Amino acid sequence: MPAMTIKLFEGRTKEQKRELAEAITRETCRVLKCSPESVDIVYEDVKKENWATAGVLWADKSA
């Protein structure tokens, strides 16, 4: 049973998450030769103030 957790900045739409889930499930099944029912995906929406790269919070980066 492949189980994946995907962390994203909050604000993605339900439609975007649905499309991503379908694409990841399709490719996971192709590569791993498993059924779609065995693929679990969990999204974690993260505020930019709770994510840093190279020591800098994403909330502090200019757009």
PDB file of N, CA and C in Angstrom:
ATOM      1  N   MET A   1       0.845  -1.181   0.000  1.00  0.00           N
ATOM      2  CA  MET A   1       0.000   0.000   0.000  1.00  0.00           C
ATOM      3  C   MET A   1       0.889   1.242   0.000  1.00  0.00           C
ATOM      4  N   PRO A   2       1.053   1.887  -1.141  1.00  0.00           N
ATOM      5  CA  PRO A   2       1.783   3.149  -1.137  1.00  0.00           C
ATOM      6  C   PRO A   2       0.968   4.215  -0.397  1.00  0.00           C
ATOM      7  N   ALA A   3       1.601   4.894   0.530  1.00  0.00           N
ATOM      8  CA  ALA A   3       0.972   6.002   1.247  1.00  0.00           C
ATOM      9  C   ALA A   3       1.914   7.194   1.158  1.00  0.00           C
ATOM     10  N   MET A   4       1.404   8.309   0.685  1.00  0.00           N
ATOM     11  CA  MET A   4       2.224   9.505   0.487  1.00  0.00           C
ATOM     12  C   MET A   4       1.636  10.680   1.233  1.00  0.00           C
ATOM     13  N   THR A   5       2.512  11.513   1.761  1.00  0.00           N
ATOM     14  CA  THR A   5       2.110  12.774   2.365  1.00  0.00           C
ATOM     15  C   THR A   5       2.717  13.884   1.526  1.00  0.00           C
ATOM     16  N   ILE A   6       1.884  14.814   1.106  1.00  0.00           N
ATOM     17  CA  ILE A   6       2.327  15.927   0.280  1.00  0.00           C
ATOM     18  C   ILE A   6       2.069  17.206   1.048  1.00  0.00           C
ATOM     19  N   LYS A   7       3.133  17.964   1.279  1.00  0.00           N
ATOM     20  CA  LYS A   7       3.016  19.232   1.987  1.00  0.00           C
ATOM     21  C   LYS A   7       3.030  20.353   0.958  1.00  0.00           C
ATOM     22  N   LEU A   8       2.045  21.240   1.086  1.00  0.00           N
ATOM     23  CA  LEU A   8       1.878  22.354   0.165  1.00  0.00           C
ATOM     24  C   LEU A   8       1.618  23.625   0.958  1.00  0.00           C
ATOM     25  N   PHE A   9       2.001  24.754   0.378  1.00  0.00           N
ATOM     26  CA  PHE A   9       1.549  26.000   0.971  1.00  0.00           C
ATOM     27  C   PHE A   9       0.037  26.037   0.862  1.00  0.00           C
ATOM     28  N   GLU A  10      -0.623  26.543   1.895  1.00  0.00           N
ATOM     29  CA  GLU A  10      -2.073  26.615   1.864  1.00  0.00           C
ATOM     30  C   GLU A  10      -2.523  27.526   0.726  1.00  0.00           C
ATOM     31  N   GLY A  11      -3.741  27.251   0.265  1.00  0.00           N
ATOM     32  CA  GLY A  11      -4.306  28.090  -0.779  1.00  0.00           C
ATOM     33  C   GLY A  11      -4.581  27.366  -2.081  1.00  0.00           C
ATOM     34  N   ARG A  12      -4.115  26.122  -2.211  1.00  0.00           N
ATOM     35  CA  ARG A  12      -4.426  25.359  -3.409  1.00  0.00           C
ATOM     36  C   ARG A  12      -5.908  24.999  -3.390  1.00  0.00           C
ATOM     37  N   THR A  13      -6.512  24.959  -4.546  1.00  0.00           N
ATOM     38  CA  THR A  13      -7.943  24.653  -4.616  1.00  0.00           C
ATOM     39  C   THR A  13      -8.182  23.150  -4.519  1.00  0.00           C
ATOM     40  N   LYS A  14      -9.422  22.806  -4.204  1.00  0.00           N
ATOM     41  CA  LYS A  14      -9.805  21.397  -4.159  1.00  0.00           C
ATOM     42  C   LYS A  14      -9.615  20.775  -5.538  1.00  0.00           C
ATOM     43  N   GLU A  15      -9.894  21.525  -6.592  1.00  0.00           N
ATOM     44  CA  GLU A  15      -9.731  21.017  -7.955  1.00  0.00           C
ATOM     45  C   GLU A  15      -8.263  20.712  -8.251  1.00  0.00           C
ATOM     46  N   GLN A  16      -7.348  21.578  -7.821  1.00  0.00           N
ATOM     47  CA  GLN A  16      -5.914  21.334  -8.025  1.00  0.00           C
ATOM     48  C   GLN A  16      -5.466  20.081  -7.280  1.00  0.00           C
ATOM     49  N   LYS A  17      -5.929  19.936  -6.055  1.00  0.00           N
ATOM     50  CA  LYS A  17      -5.558  18.752  -5.266  1.00  0.00           C
ATOM     51  C   LYS A  17      -6.132  17.487  -5.881  1.00  0.00           C
ATOM     52  N   ARG A  18      -7.343  17.567  -6.384  1.00  0.00           N
ATOM     53  CA  ARG A  18      -7.965  16.420  -7.034  1.00  0.00           C
ATOM     54  C   ARG A  18      -7.163  16.011  -8.272  1.00  0.00           C
ATOM     55  N   GLU A  19      -6.808  16.987  -9.102  1.00  0.00           N
ATOM     56  CA  GLU A  19      -6.039  16.690 -10.314  1.00  0.00           C
ATOM     57  C   GLU A  19      -4.676  16.095  -9.977  1.00  0.00           C
ATOM     58  N   LEU A  20      -4.015  16.629  -8.960  1.00  0.00           N
ATOM     59  CA  LEU A  20      -2.720  16.103  -8.543  1.00  0.00           C
ATOM     60  C   LEU A  20      -2.861  14.683  -8.013  1.00  0.00           C
ATOM     61  N   ALA A  21      -3.890  14.435  -7.213  1.00  0.00           N
ATOM     62  CA  ALA A  21      -4.119  13.086  -6.675  1.00  0.00           C
ATOM     63  C   ALA A  21      -4.340  12.077  -7.799  1.00  0.00           C
ATOM     64  N   GLU A  22      -5.114  12.469  -8.803  1.00  0.00           N
ATOM     65  CA  GLU A  22      -5.360  11.564  -9.929  1.00  0.00           C
ATOM     66  C   GLU A  22      -4.067  11.262 -10.686  1.00  0.00           C
ATOM     67  N   ALA A  23      -3.256  12.286 -10.925  1.00  0.00           N
ATOM     68  CA  ALA A  23      -1.999  12.093 -11.660  1.00  0.00           C
ATOM     69  C   ALA A  23      -1.011  11.238 -10.874  1.00  0.00           C
ATOM     70  N   ILE A  24      -0.881  11.516  -9.576  1.00  0.00           N
ATOM     71  CA  ILE A  24       0.049  10.743  -8.748  1.00  0.00           C
ATOM     72  C   ILE A  24      -0.413   9.297  -8.639  1.00  0.00           C
ATOM     73  N   THR A  25      -1.718   9.090  -8.463  1.00  0.00           N
ATOM     74  CA  THR A  25      -2.246   7.729  -8.365  1.00  0.00           C
ATOM     75  C   THR A  25      -1.991   6.971  -9.662  1.00  0.00           C
ATOM     76  N   ARG A  26      -2.286   7.604 -10.785  1.00  0.00           N
ATOM     77  CA  ARG A  26      -2.091   6.958 -12.088  1.00  0.00           C
ATOM     78  C   ARG A  26      -0.632   6.534 -12.283  1.00  0.00           C
ATOM     79  N   GLU A  27       0.301   7.439 -12.009  1.00  0.00           N
ATOM     80  CA  GLU A  27       1.722   7.134 -12.205  1.00  0.00           C
ATOM     81  C   GLU A  27       2.249   6.143 -11.183  1.00  0.00           C
ATOM     82  N   THR A  28       1.749   6.217  -9.946  1.00  0.00           N
ATOM     83  CA  THR A  28       2.155   5.251  -8.927  1.00  0.00           C
ATOM     84  C   THR A  28       1.736   3.849  -9.354  1.00  0.00           C
ATOM     85  N   CYS A  29       0.520   3.711  -9.835  1.00  0.00           N
ATOM     86  CA  CYS A  29       0.034   2.401 -10.280  1.00  0.00           C
ATOM     87  C   CYS A  29       0.827   1.902 -11.488  1.00  0.00           C
ATOM     88  N   ARG A  30       1.176   2.792 -12.385  1.00  0.00           N
ATOM     89  CA  ARG A  30       1.953   2.397 -13.561  1.00  0.00           C
ATOM     90  C   ARG A  30       3.323   1.875 -13.156  1.00  0.00           C
ATOM     91  N   VAL A  31       3.994   2.591 -12.284  1.00  0.00           N
ATOM     92  CA  VAL A  31       5.354   2.226 -11.896  1.00  0.00           C
ATOM     93  C   VAL A  31       5.379   1.030 -10.947  1.00  0.00           C
ATOM     94  N   LEU A  32       4.502   1.023  -9.965  1.00  0.00           N
ATOM     95  CA  LEU A  32       4.522  -0.018  -8.935  1.00  0.00           C
ATOM     96  C   LEU A  32       3.622  -1.208  -9.245  1.00  0.00           C
ATOM     97  N   LYS A  33       2.861  -1.121 -10.329  1.00  0.00           N
ATOM     98  CA  LYS A  33       1.959  -2.214 -10.714  1.00  0.00           C
ATOM     99  C   LYS A  33       0.990  -2.556  -9.580  1.00  0.00           C
ATOM    100  N   CYS A  34       0.313  -1.536  -9.086  1.00  0.00           N
ATOM    101  CA  CYS A  34      -0.652  -1.731  -8.002  1.00  0.00           C
ATOM    102  C   CYS A  34      -2.004  -1.172  -8.437  1.00  0.00           C
ATOM    103  N   SER A  35      -3.015  -1.450  -7.659  1.00  0.00           N
ATOM    104  CA  SER A  35      -4.346  -0.939  -7.984  1.00  0.00           C
ATOM    105  C   SER A  35      -4.528   0.460  -7.390  1.00  0.00           C
ATOM    106  N   PRO A  36      -5.360   1.278  -8.013  1.00  0.00           N
ATOM    107  CA  PRO A  36      -5.610   2.619  -7.482  1.00  0.00           C
ATOM    108  C   PRO A  36      -6.149   2.597  -6.049  1.00  0.00           C
ATOM    109  N   GLU A  37      -6.901   1.552  -5.709  1.00  0.00           N
ATOM    110  CA  GLU A  37      -7.468   1.461  -4.354  1.00  0.00           C
ATOM    111  C   GLU A  37      -6.401   1.305  -3.280  1.00  0.00           C
ATOM    112  N   SER A  38      -5.191   0.957  -3.676  1.00  0.00           N
ATOM    113  CA  SER A  38      -4.127   0.772  -2.685  1.00  0.00           C
ATOM    114  C   SER A  38      -3.301   2.035  -2.464  1.00  0.00           C
ATOM    115  N   VAL A  39      -3.570   3.091  -3.220  1.00  0.00           N
ATOM    116  CA  VAL A  39      -2.768   4.321  -3.135  1.00  0.00           C
ATOM    117  C   VAL A  39      -3.477   5.325  -2.234  1.00  0.00           C
ATOM    118  N   ASP A  40      -2.788   5.743  -1.177  1.00  0.00           N
ATOM    119  CA  ASP A  40      -3.310   6.764  -0.267  1.00  0.00           C
ATOM    120  C   ASP A  40      -2.456   8.015  -0.375  1.00  0.00           C
ATOM    121  N   ILE A  41      -3.124   9.166  -0.431  1.00  0.00           N
ATOM    122  CA  ILE A  41      -2.434  10.455  -0.487  1.00  0.00           C
ATOM    123  C   ILE A  41      -3.047  11.350   0.579  1.00  0.00           C
ATOM    124  N   VAL A  42      -2.197  11.967   1.386  1.00  0.00           N
ATOM    125  CA  VAL A  42      -2.641  12.904   2.415  1.00  0.00           C
ATOM    126  C   VAL A  42      -1.999  14.247   2.120  1.00  0.00           C
ATOM    127  N   TYR A  43      -2.809  15.277   2.029  1.00  0.00           N
ATOM    128  CA  TYR A  43      -2.294  16.637   1.839  1.00  0.00           C
ATOM    129  C   TYR A  43      -2.179  17.331   3.185  1.00  0.00           C
ATOM    130  N   GLU A  44      -1.086  18.029   3.377  1.00  0.00           N
ATOM    131  CA  GLU A  44      -0.909  18.870   4.560  1.00  0.00           C
ATOM    132  C   GLU A  44      -0.713  20.296   4.074  1.00  0.00           C
ATOM    133  N   ASP A  45      -1.670  21.158   4.374  1.00  0.00           N
ATOM    134  CA  ASP A  45      -1.552  22.569   4.017  1.00  0.00           C
ATOM    135  C   ASP A  45      -0.741  23.271   5.100  1.00  0.00           C
ATOM    136  N   VAL A  46       0.271  23.989   4.670  1.00  0.00           N
ATOM    137  CA  VAL A  46       1.195  24.636   5.604  1.00  0.00           C
ATOM    138  C   VAL A  46       1.193  26.136   5.337  1.00  0.00           C
ATOM    139  N   LYS A  47       1.093  26.918   6.393  1.00  0.00           N
ATOM    140  CA  LYS A  47       1.206  28.374   6.259  1.00  0.00           C
ATOM    141  C   LYS A  47       2.656  28.730   5.948  1.00  0.00           C
ATOM    142  N   LYS A  48       2.847  29.769   5.155  1.00  0.00           N
ATOM    143  CA  LYS A  48       4.206  30.183   4.784  1.00  0.00           C
ATOM    144  C   LYS A  48       5.029  30.580   6.005  1.00  0.00           C
ATOM    145  N   GLU A  49       4.369  30.992   7.076  1.00  0.00           N
ATOM    146  CA  GLU A  49       5.097  31.346   8.295  1.00  0.00           C
ATOM    147  C   GLU A  49       5.637  30.119   9.024  1.00  0.00           C
ATOM    148  N   ASN A  50       5.192  28.923   8.610  1.00  0.00           N
ATOM    149  CA  ASN A  50       5.629  27.682   9.241  1.00  0.00           C
ATOM    150  C   ASN A  50       6.565  26.864   8.363  1.00  0.00           C
ATOM    151  N   TRP A  51       7.139  27.488   7.329  1.00  0.00           N
ATOM    152  CA  TRP A  51       8.015  26.771   6.397  1.00  0.00           C
ATOM    153  C   TRP A  51       9.199  27.673   6.084  1.00  0.00           C
ATOM    154  N   ALA A  52      10.390  27.125   6.230  1.00  0.00           N
ATOM    155  CA  ALA A  52      11.603  27.896   5.936  1.00  0.00           C
ATOM    156  C   ALA A  52      12.493  27.103   4.986  1.00  0.00           C
ATOM    157  N   THR A  53      13.183  27.805   4.125  1.00  0.00           N
ATOM    158  CA  THR A  53      14.178  27.224   3.239  1.00  0.00           C
ATOM    159  C   THR A  53      15.436  28.075   3.351  1.00  0.00           C
ATOM    160  N   ALA A  54      16.556  27.429   3.525  1.00  0.00           N
ATOM    161  CA  ALA A  54      17.844  28.121   3.669  1.00  0.00           C
ATOM    162  C   ALA A  54      17.808  29.129   4.818  1.00  0.00           C
ATOM    163  N   GLY A  55      17.077  28.788   5.870  1.00  0.00           N
ATOM    164  CA  GLY A  55      17.038  29.631   7.058  1.00  0.00           C
ATOM    165  C   GLY A  55      16.118  30.833   6.962  1.00  0.00           C
ATOM    166  N   VAL A  56      15.329  30.923   5.908  1.00  0.00           N
ATOM    167  CA  VAL A  56      14.447  32.063   5.716  1.00  0.00           C
ATOM    168  C   VAL A  56      13.010  31.566   5.617  1.00  0.00           C
ATOM    169  N   LEU A  57      12.131  32.170   6.437  1.00  0.00           N
ATOM    170  CA  LEU A  57      10.717  31.827   6.357  1.00  0.00           C
ATOM    171  C   LEU A  57      10.165  32.271   5.006  1.00  0.00           C
ATOM    172  N   TRP A  58       9.319  31.445   4.427  1.00  0.00           N
ATOM    173  CA  TRP A  58       8.697  31.813   3.151  1.00  0.00           C
ATOM    174  C   TRP A  58       7.826  33.044   3.316  1.00  0.00           C
ATOM    175  N   ALA A  59       7.273  33.262   4.498  1.00  0.00           N
ATOM    176  CA  ALA A  59       6.469  34.449   4.762  1.00  0.00           C
ATOM    177  C   ALA A  59       7.306  35.716   4.680  1.00  0.00           C
ATOM    178  N   ASP A  60       8.618  35.594   4.852  1.00  0.00           N
ATOM    179  CA  ASP A  60       9.506  36.755   4.819  1.00  0.00           C
ATOM    180  C   ASP A  60      10.077  37.030   3.423  1.00  0.00           C
ATOM    181  N   LYS A  61       9.857  36.119   2.497  1.00  0.00           N
ATOM    182  CA  LYS A  61      10.385  36.313   1.147  1.00  0.00           C
ATOM    183  C   LYS A  61       9.490  37.253   0.362  1.00  0.00           C
ATOM    184  N   SER A  62      10.099  38.056  -0.472  1.00  0.00           N
ATOM    185  CA  SER A  62       9.301  38.971  -1.296  1.00  0.00           C
ATOM    186  C   SER A  62       8.676  38.205  -2.457  1.00  0.00           C
ATOM    187  N   ALA A  63       7.538  38.666  -2.861  1.00  0.00           N
ATOM    188  CA  ALA A  63       6.805  37.971  -3.933  1.00  0.00           C
ATOM    189  C   ALA A  63       7.469  38.132  -5.280  1.00  0.00           C
TER     190      ALA A  63
END
